């Protein structure tokens, strides 16, 4: 399914308090799994710029989580984004 994508993410401290949050509209029609990977990448970039370390990525997108656990992506747009992690 193709849909307009909005990336939303936050960074929490060790007790679960939000220390930073972001929202990003992605232009164009983007597959859901690609949008999830781009949103996660955006949040990680923001966290690194803010000096946050020891980051944990959470997602409800099974395809994204499975790809991260495998440690490499296929030669697709989605795989190329996941390989950046």
PDB file of N, CA and C in Angstrom:
ATOM      1  N   UNK A   1       0.839  -1.174   0.000  1.00  0.00           N
ATOM      2  CA  UNK A   1       0.000   0.000   0.000  1.00  0.00           C
ATOM      3  C   UNK A   1       0.887   1.241   0.000  1.00  0.00           C
ATOM      4  N   UNK A   2       0.574   2.189  -0.835  1.00  0.00           N
ATOM      5  CA  UNK A   2       1.345   3.421  -0.926  1.00  0.00           C
ATOM      6  C   UNK A   2       0.530   4.545  -0.287  1.00  0.00           C
ATOM      7  N   UNK A   3       1.190   5.360   0.534  1.00  0.00           N
ATOM      8  CA  UNK A   3       0.496   6.464   1.202  1.00  0.00           C
ATOM      9  C   UNK A   3       1.446   7.624   1.408  1.00  0.00           C
ATOM     10  N   UNK A   4       0.894   8.803   1.598  1.00  0.00           N
ATOM     11  CA  UNK A   4       1.718   9.940   1.993  1.00  0.00           C
ATOM     12  C   UNK A   4       2.320   9.599   3.336  1.00  0.00           C
ATOM     13  N   UNK A   5       3.528  10.027   3.567  1.00  0.00           N
ATOM     14  CA  UNK A   5       4.233   9.601   4.769  1.00  0.00           C
ATOM     15  C   UNK A   5       4.536  10.766   5.694  1.00  0.00           C
ATOM     16  N   UNK A   6       4.336  10.530   6.958  1.00  0.00           N
ATOM     17  CA  UNK A   6       4.722  11.474   7.999  1.00  0.00           C
ATOM     18  C   UNK A   6       5.578  10.698   8.983  1.00  0.00           C
ATOM     19  N   UNK A   7       6.792  11.175   9.216  1.00  0.00           N
ATOM     20  CA  UNK A   7       7.672  10.531  10.177  1.00  0.00           C
ATOM     21  C   UNK A   7       7.556  11.215  11.517  1.00  0.00           C
ATOM     22  N   UNK A   8       7.260  10.450  12.540  1.00  0.00           N
ATOM     23  CA  UNK A   8       7.145  10.983  13.889  1.00  0.00           C
ATOM     24  C   UNK A   8       8.057  10.161  14.783  1.00  0.00           C
ATOM     25  N   UNK A   9       8.806  10.826  15.613  1.00  0.00           N
ATOM     26  CA  UNK A   9       9.676  10.083  16.505  1.00  0.00           C
ATOM     27  C   UNK A   9      10.017  10.880  17.735  1.00  0.00           C
ATOM     28  N   UNK A  10      10.468  10.184  18.748  1.00  0.00           N
ATOM     29  CA  UNK A  10      10.905  10.867  19.952  1.00  0.00           C
ATOM     30  C   UNK A  10      12.079  10.115  20.557  1.00  0.00           C
ATOM     31  N   UNK A  11      12.790  10.817  21.375  1.00  0.00           N
ATOM     32  CA  UNK A  11      13.893  10.230  22.127  1.00  0.00           C
ATOM     33  C   UNK A  11      13.544  10.342  23.596  1.00  0.00           C
ATOM     34  N   UNK A  12      13.693   9.232  24.304  1.00  0.00           N
ATOM     35  CA  UNK A  12      13.370   9.184  25.715  1.00  0.00           C
ATOM     36  C   UNK A  12      14.630   8.914  26.519  1.00  0.00           C
ATOM     37  N   UNK A  13      14.611   9.361  27.769  1.00  0.00           N
ATOM     38  CA  UNK A  13      15.735   9.037  28.643  1.00  0.00           C
ATOM     39  C   UNK A  13      15.490   7.668  29.283  1.00  0.00           C
ATOM     40  N   UNK A  14      16.337   7.277  30.221  1.00  0.00           N
ATOM     41  CA  UNK A  14      16.278   5.929  30.788  1.00  0.00           C
ATOM     42  C   UNK A  14      15.012   5.653  31.593  1.00  0.00           C
ATOM     43  N   UNK A  15      14.288   6.678  32.014  1.00  0.00           N
ATOM     44  CA  UNK A  15      13.042   6.461  32.746  1.00  0.00           C
ATOM     45  C   UNK A  15      11.808   6.662  31.871  1.00  0.00           C
ATOM     46  N   UNK A  16      12.011   6.953  30.592  1.00  0.00           N
ATOM     47  CA  UNK A  16      10.903   7.085  29.650  1.00  0.00           C
ATOM     48  C   UNK A  16      10.404   8.491  29.416  1.00  0.00           C
ATOM     49  N   UNK A  17      11.066   9.489  29.996  1.00  0.00           N
ATOM     50  CA  UNK A  17      10.677  10.875  29.748  1.00  0.00           C
ATOM     51  C   UNK A  17      11.192  11.317  28.383  1.00  0.00           C
ATOM     52  N   UNK A  18      10.341  11.999  27.619  1.00  0.00           N
ATOM     53  CA  UNK A  18      10.730  12.480  26.297  1.00  0.00           C
ATOM     54  C   UNK A  18      11.714  13.640  26.451  1.00  0.00           C
ATOM     55  N   UNK A  19      12.870  13.526  25.779  1.00  0.00           N
ATOM     56  CA  UNK A  19      13.868  14.594  25.824  1.00  0.00           C
ATOM     57  C   UNK A  19      13.942  15.345  24.503  1.00  0.00           C
ATOM     58  N   UNK A  20      13.387  14.772  23.438  1.00  0.00           N
ATOM     59  CA  UNK A  20      13.354  15.425  22.132  1.00  0.00           C
ATOM     60  C   UNK A  20      12.277  14.741  21.291  1.00  0.00           C
ATOM     61  N   UNK A  21      11.647  15.494  20.406  1.00  0.00           N
ATOM     62  CA  UNK A  21      10.627  14.926  19.523  1.00  0.00           C
ATOM     63  C   UNK A  21      10.708  15.616  18.169  1.00  0.00           C
ATOM     64  N   UNK A  22      10.241  14.937  17.144  1.00  0.00           N
ATOM     65  CA  UNK A  22      10.303  15.478  15.796  1.00  0.00           C
ATOM     66  C   UNK A  22       9.145  14.950  14.963  1.00  0.00           C
ATOM     67  N   UNK A  23       8.812  15.679  13.937  1.00  0.00           N
ATOM     68  CA  UNK A  23       7.805  15.269  12.969  1.00  0.00           C
ATOM     69  C   UNK A  23       8.289  15.746  11.602  1.00  0.00           C
ATOM     70  N   UNK A  24       8.198  14.900  10.604  1.00  0.00           N
ATOM     71  CA  UNK A  24       8.711  15.257   9.280  1.00  0.00           C
ATOM     72  C   UNK A  24       7.763  14.747   8.202  1.00  0.00           C
ATOM     73  N   UNK A  25       7.282  15.655   7.369  1.00  0.00           N
ATOM     74  CA  UNK A  25       6.453  15.277   6.235  1.00  0.00           C
ATOM     75  C   UNK A  25       7.369  14.865   5.093  1.00  0.00           C
ATOM     76  N   UNK A  26       7.089  13.714   4.514  1.00  0.00           N
ATOM     77  CA  UNK A  26       7.884  13.217   3.393  1.00  0.00           C
ATOM     78  C   UNK A  26       7.070  13.381   2.127  1.00  0.00           C
ATOM     79  N   UNK A  27       7.563  14.181   1.202  1.00  0.00           N
ATOM     80  CA  UNK A  27       6.869  14.441  -0.051  1.00  0.00           C
ATOM     81  C   UNK A  27       6.842  13.202  -0.927  1.00  0.00           C
ATOM     82  N   UNK A  28       5.757  13.046  -1.653  1.00  0.00           N
ATOM     83  CA  UNK A  28       5.648  11.950  -2.601  1.00  0.00           C
ATOM     84  C   UNK A  28       4.956  10.750  -1.996  1.00  0.00           C
ATOM     85  N   UNK A  29       4.730   9.759  -2.818  1.00  0.00           N
ATOM     86  CA  UNK A  29       4.120   8.510  -2.377  1.00  0.00           C
ATOM     87  C   UNK A  29       5.232   7.560  -1.959  1.00  0.00           C
ATOM     88  N   UNK A  30       5.204   7.165  -0.701  1.00  0.00           N
ATOM     89  CA  UNK A  30       6.278   6.343  -0.138  1.00  0.00           C
ATOM     90  C   UNK A  30       5.654   5.105   0.494  1.00  0.00           C
ATOM     91  N   UNK A  31       6.242   3.950   0.226  1.00  0.00           N
ATOM     92  CA  UNK A  31       5.789   2.708   0.855  1.00  0.00           C
ATOM     93  C   UNK A  31       5.925   2.827   2.363  1.00  0.00           C
ATOM     94  N   UNK A  32       5.042   2.172   3.101  1.00  0.00           N
ATOM     95  CA  UNK A  32       5.037   2.254   4.554  1.00  0.00           C
ATOM     96  C   UNK A  32       6.335   1.836   5.211  1.00  0.00           C
ATOM     97  N   UNK A  33       6.949   0.746   4.730  1.00  0.00           N
ATOM     98  CA  UNK A  33       8.199   0.285   5.336  1.00  0.00           C
ATOM     99  C   UNK A  33       9.340   1.260   5.067  1.00  0.00           C
ATOM    100  N   UNK A  34       9.346   1.860   3.885  1.00  0.00           N
ATOM    101  CA  UNK A  34      10.375   2.860   3.563  1.00  0.00           C
ATOM    102  C   UNK A  34      10.179   4.097   4.435  1.00  0.00           C
ATOM    103  N   UNK A  35       8.920   4.519   4.620  1.00  0.00           N
ATOM    104  CA  UNK A  35       8.633   5.668   5.482  1.00  0.00           C
ATOM    105  C   UNK A  35       9.090   5.393   6.912  1.00  0.00           C
ATOM    106  N   UNK A  36       8.870   4.184   7.394  1.00  0.00           N
ATOM    107  CA  UNK A  36       9.290   3.815   8.751  1.00  0.00           C
ATOM    108  C   UNK A  36      10.805   3.895   8.887  1.00  0.00           C
ATOM    109  N   UNK A  37      11.522   3.378   7.904  1.00  0.00           N
ATOM    110  CA  UNK A  37      12.982   3.419   7.943  1.00  0.00           C
ATOM    111  C   UNK A  37      13.505   4.856   7.858  1.00  0.00           C
ATOM    112  N   UNK A  38      12.896   5.671   6.987  1.00  0.00           N
ATOM    113  CA  UNK A  38      13.311   7.075   6.877  1.00  0.00           C
ATOM    114  C   UNK A  38      13.029   7.842   8.170  1.00  0.00           C
ATOM    115  N   UNK A  39      11.886   7.575   8.779  1.00  0.00           N
ATOM    116  CA  UNK A  39      11.544   8.242  10.034  1.00  0.00           C
ATOM    117  C   UNK A  39      12.528   7.859  11.135  1.00  0.00           C
ATOM    118  N   UNK A  40      12.868   6.580  11.221  1.00  0.00           N
ATOM    119  CA  UNK A  40      13.833   6.136  12.229  1.00  0.00           C
ATOM    120  C   UNK A  40      15.195   6.773  11.991  1.00  0.00           C
ATOM    121  N   UNK A  41      15.586   6.846  10.735  1.00  0.00           N
ATOM    122  CA  UNK A  41      16.869   7.484  10.399  1.00  0.00           C
ATOM    123  C   UNK A  41      16.858   8.961  10.801  1.00  0.00           C
ATOM    124  N   UNK A  42      15.751   9.635  10.538  1.00  0.00           N
ATOM    125  CA  UNK A  42      15.617  11.046  10.901  1.00  0.00           C
ATOM    126  C   UNK A  42      15.739  11.236  12.417  1.00  0.00           C
ATOM    127  N   UNK A  43      15.073  10.374  13.182  1.00  0.00           N
ATOM    128  CA  UNK A  43      15.128  10.463  14.640  1.00  0.00           C
ATOM    129  C   UNK A  43      16.543  10.197  15.142  1.00  0.00           C
ATOM    130  N   UNK A  44      17.223   9.213  14.560  1.00  0.00           N
ATOM    131  CA  UNK A  44      18.602   8.922  14.984  1.00  0.00           C
ATOM    132  C   UNK A  44      19.539  10.069  14.650  1.00  0.00           C
ATOM    133  N   UNK A  45      19.350  10.690  13.491  1.00  0.00           N
ATOM    134  CA  UNK A  45      20.164  11.862  13.143  1.00  0.00           C
ATOM    135  C   UNK A  45      19.951  12.980  14.150  1.00  0.00           C
ATOM    136  N   UNK A  46      18.678  13.222  14.500  1.00  0.00           N
ATOM    137  CA  UNK A  46      18.362  14.261  15.472  1.00  0.00           C
ATOM    138  C   UNK A  46      18.998  13.940  16.832  1.00  0.00           C
ATOM    139  N   UNK A  47      18.918  12.698  17.245  1.00  0.00           N
ATOM    140  CA  UNK A  47      19.478  12.296  18.538  1.00  0.00           C
ATOM    141  C   UNK A  47      20.992  12.485  18.566  1.00  0.00           C
ATOM    142  N   UNK A  48      21.653  12.119  17.488  1.00  0.00           N
ATOM    143  CA  UNK A  48      23.114  12.291  17.416  1.00  0.00           C
ATOM    144  C   UNK A  48      23.494  13.765  17.447  1.00  0.00           C
ATOM    145  N   UNK A  49      22.758  14.588  16.713  1.00  0.00           N
ATOM    146  CA  UNK A  49      23.020  16.032  16.706  1.00  0.00           C
ATOM    147  C   UNK A  49      22.810  16.642  18.089  1.00  0.00           C
ATOM    148  N   UNK A  50      21.883  16.071  18.873  1.00  0.00           N
ATOM    149  CA  UNK A  50      21.607  16.564  20.226  1.00  0.00           C
ATOM    150  C   UNK A  50      22.598  16.008  21.245  1.00  0.00           C
ATOM    151  N   UNK A  51      23.506  15.135  20.788  1.00  0.00           N
ATOM    152  CA  UNK A  51      24.506  14.568  21.688  1.00  0.00           C
ATOM    153  C   UNK A  51      24.018  13.381  22.489  1.00  0.00           C
ATOM    154  N   UNK A  52      22.872  12.818  22.107  1.00  0.00           N
ATOM    155  CA  UNK A  52      22.359  11.648  22.820  1.00  0.00           C
ATOM    156  C   UNK A  52      23.116  10.402  22.385  1.00  0.00           C
ATOM    157  N   UNK A  53      23.371   9.511  23.330  1.00  0.00           N
ATOM    158  CA  UNK A  53      24.116   8.281  23.047  1.00  0.00           C
ATOM    159  C   UNK A  53      23.362   7.085  23.628  1.00  0.00           C
ATOM    160  N   UNK A  54      23.850   5.894  23.372  1.00  0.00           N
ATOM    161  CA  UNK A  54      23.223   4.653  23.857  1.00  0.00           C
ATOM    162  C   UNK A  54      21.763   4.594  23.432  1.00  0.00           C
ATOM    163  N   UNK A  55      21.535   4.692  22.136  1.00  0.00           N
ATOM    164  CA  UNK A  55      20.185   4.773  21.588  1.00  0.00           C
ATOM    165  C   UNK A  55      19.587   3.399  21.336  1.00  0.00           C
ATOM    166  N   UNK A  56      18.288   3.301  21.495  1.00  0.00           N
ATOM    167  CA  UNK A  56      17.525   2.088  21.218  1.00  0.00           C
ATOM    168  C   UNK A  56      16.467   2.452  20.188  1.00  0.00           C
ATOM    169  N   UNK A  57      16.388   1.682  19.108  1.00  0.00           N
ATOM    170  CA  UNK A  57      15.382   1.911  18.069  1.00  0.00           C
ATOM    171  C   UNK A  57      14.178   1.023  18.356  1.00  0.00           C
ATOM    172  N   UNK A  58      12.988   1.638  18.390  1.00  0.00           N
ATOM    173  CA  UNK A  58      11.740   0.902  18.585  1.00  0.00           C
ATOM    174  C   UNK A  58      10.845   1.152  17.379  1.00  0.00           C
ATOM    175  N   UNK A  59      10.146   0.118  16.949  1.00  0.00           N
ATOM    176  CA  UNK A  59       9.263   0.250  15.801  1.00  0.00           C
ATOM    177  C   UNK A  59       8.172  -0.807  15.870  1.00  0.00           C
ATOM    178  N   UNK A  60       7.007  -0.488  15.320  1.00  0.00           N
ATOM    179  CA  UNK A  60       5.944  -1.476  15.210  1.00  0.00           C
ATOM    180  C   UNK A  60       5.864  -2.057  13.798  1.00  0.00           C
ATOM    181  N   UNK A  61       6.844  -1.731  12.964  1.00  0.00           N
ATOM    182  CA  UNK A  61       6.898  -2.249  11.593  1.00  0.00           C
ATOM    183  C   UNK A  61       7.741  -3.522  11.586  1.00  0.00           C
ATOM    184  N   UNK A  62       7.074  -4.664  11.496  1.00  0.00           N
ATOM    185  CA  UNK A  62       7.767  -5.957  11.578  1.00  0.00           C
ATOM    186  C   UNK A  62       8.848  -6.104  10.519  1.00  0.00           C
ATOM    187  N   UNK A  63       8.587  -5.630   9.314  1.00  0.00           N
ATOM    188  CA  UNK A  63       9.575  -5.752   8.238  1.00  0.00           C
ATOM    189  C   UNK A  63      10.845  -4.973   8.582  1.00  0.00           C
ATOM    190  N   UNK A  64      10.677  -3.779   9.121  1.00  0.00           N
ATOM    191  CA  UNK A  64      11.815  -2.935   9.501  1.00  0.00           C
ATOM    192  C   UNK A  64      12.613  -3.585  10.630  1.00  0.00           C
ATOM    193  N   UNK A  65      11.922  -4.062  11.653  1.00  0.00           N
ATOM    194  CA  UNK A  65      12.591  -4.700  12.786  1.00  0.00           C
ATOM    195  C   UNK A  65      13.342  -5.951  12.335  1.00  0.00           C
ATOM    196  N   UNK A  66      12.711  -6.765  11.500  1.00  0.00           N
ATOM    197  CA  UNK A  66      13.362  -7.986  11.011  1.00  0.00           C
ATOM    198  C   UNK A  66      14.610  -7.652  10.197  1.00  0.00           C
ATOM    199  N   UNK A  67      14.523  -6.626   9.381  1.00  0.00           N
ATOM    200  CA  UNK A  67      15.667  -6.223   8.559  1.00  0.00           C
ATOM    201  C   UNK A  67      16.812  -5.727   9.446  1.00  0.00           C
ATOM    202  N   UNK A  68      16.505  -4.967  10.483  1.00  0.00           N
ATOM    203  CA  UNK A  68      17.544  -4.500  11.412  1.00  0.00           C
ATOM    204  C   UNK A  68      18.211  -5.674  12.114  1.00  0.00           C
ATOM    205  N   UNK A  69      17.429  -6.643  12.520  1.00  0.00           N
ATOM    206  CA  UNK A  69      17.984  -7.814  13.218  1.00  0.00           C
ATOM    207  C   UNK A  69      18.884  -8.636  12.309  1.00  0.00           C
ATOM    208  N   UNK A  70      18.565  -8.691  11.016  1.00  0.00           N
ATOM    209  CA  UNK A  70      19.415  -9.422  10.060  1.00  0.00           C
ATOM    210  C   UNK A  70      20.733  -8.694   9.837  1.00  0.00           C
ATOM    211  N   UNK A  71      20.720  -7.379  10.011  1.00  0.00           N
ATOM    212  CA  UNK A  71      21.948  -6.609   9.903  1.00  0.00           C
ATOM    213  C   UNK A  71      22.324  -6.168   8.498  1.00  0.00           C
ATOM    214  N   UNK A  72      21.500  -6.463   7.518  1.00  0.00           N
ATOM    215  CA  UNK A  72      21.778  -6.010   6.151  1.00  0.00           C
ATOM    216  C   UNK A  72      20.475  -5.952   5.380  1.00  0.00           C
ATOM    217  N   UNK A  73      20.445  -5.060   4.421  1.00  0.00           N
ATOM    218  CA  UNK A  73      19.245  -4.902   3.615  1.00  0.00           C
ATOM    219  C   UNK A  73      19.432  -5.440   2.215  1.00  0.00           C
ATOM    220  N   UNK A  74      18.316  -5.721   1.578  1.00  0.00           N
ATOM    221  CA  UNK A  74      18.350  -6.146   0.185  1.00  0.00           C
ATOM    222  C   UNK A  74      18.661  -4.946  -0.694  1.00  0.00           C
ATOM    223  N   UNK A  75      18.868  -5.180  -1.958  1.00  0.00           N
ATOM    224  CA  UNK A  75      19.181  -4.091  -2.883  1.00  0.00           C
ATOM    225  C   UNK A  75      17.886  -3.433  -3.364  1.00  0.00           C
ATOM    226  N   UNK A  76      17.198  -2.812  -2.438  1.00  0.00           N
ATOM    227  CA  UNK A  76      15.978  -2.056  -2.701  1.00  0.00           C
ATOM    228  C   UNK A  76      16.124  -0.706  -2.003  1.00  0.00           C
ATOM    229  N   UNK A  77      15.198   0.208  -2.253  1.00  0.00           N
ATOM    230  CA  UNK A  77      15.221   1.486  -1.526  1.00  0.00           C
ATOM    231  C   UNK A  77      15.182   1.258  -0.027  1.00  0.00           C
ATOM    232  N   UNK A  78      14.298   0.353   0.390  1.00  0.00           N
ATOM    233  CA  UNK A  78      14.159   0.031   1.811  1.00  0.00           C
ATOM    234  C   UNK A  78      15.461  -0.536   2.363  1.00  0.00           C
ATOM    235  N   UNK A  79      16.039  -1.494   1.681  1.00  0.00           N
ATOM    236  CA  UNK A  79      17.288  -2.106   2.125  1.00  0.00           C
ATOM    237  C   UNK A  79      18.418  -1.116   2.208  1.00  0.00           C
ATOM    238  N   UNK A  80      18.481  -0.201   1.263  1.00  0.00           N
ATOM    239  CA  UNK A  80      19.535   0.804   1.275  1.00  0.00           C
ATOM    240  C   UNK A  80      19.430   1.717   2.495  1.00  0.00           C
ATOM    241  N   UNK A  81      18.220   2.050   2.891  1.00  0.00           N
ATOM    242  CA  UNK A  81      18.031   2.886   4.079  1.00  0.00           C
ATOM    243  C   UNK A  81      18.407   2.112   5.327  1.00  0.00           C
ATOM    244  N   UNK A  82      17.958   0.873   5.446  1.00  0.00           N
ATOM    245  CA  UNK A  82      18.250   0.056   6.625  1.00  0.00           C
ATOM    246  C   UNK A  82      19.756  -0.176   6.743  1.00  0.00           C
ATOM    247  N   UNK A  83      20.454  -0.317   5.640  1.00  0.00           N
ATOM    248  CA  UNK A  83      21.896  -0.523   5.683  1.00  0.00           C
ATOM    249  C   UNK A  83      22.633   0.650   6.299  1.00  0.00           C
ATOM    250  N   UNK A  84      22.008   1.831   6.361  1.00  0.00           N
ATOM    251  CA  UNK A  84      22.641   3.005   6.977  1.00  0.00           C
ATOM    252  C   UNK A  84      22.726   2.872   8.490  1.00  0.00           C
ATOM    253  N   UNK A  85      21.958   1.969   9.086  1.00  0.00           N
ATOM    254  CA  UNK A  85      21.971   1.784  10.537  1.00  0.00           C
ATOM    255  C   UNK A  85      23.179   1.016  10.870  1.00  0.00           C
TER     256      UNK A  85
END
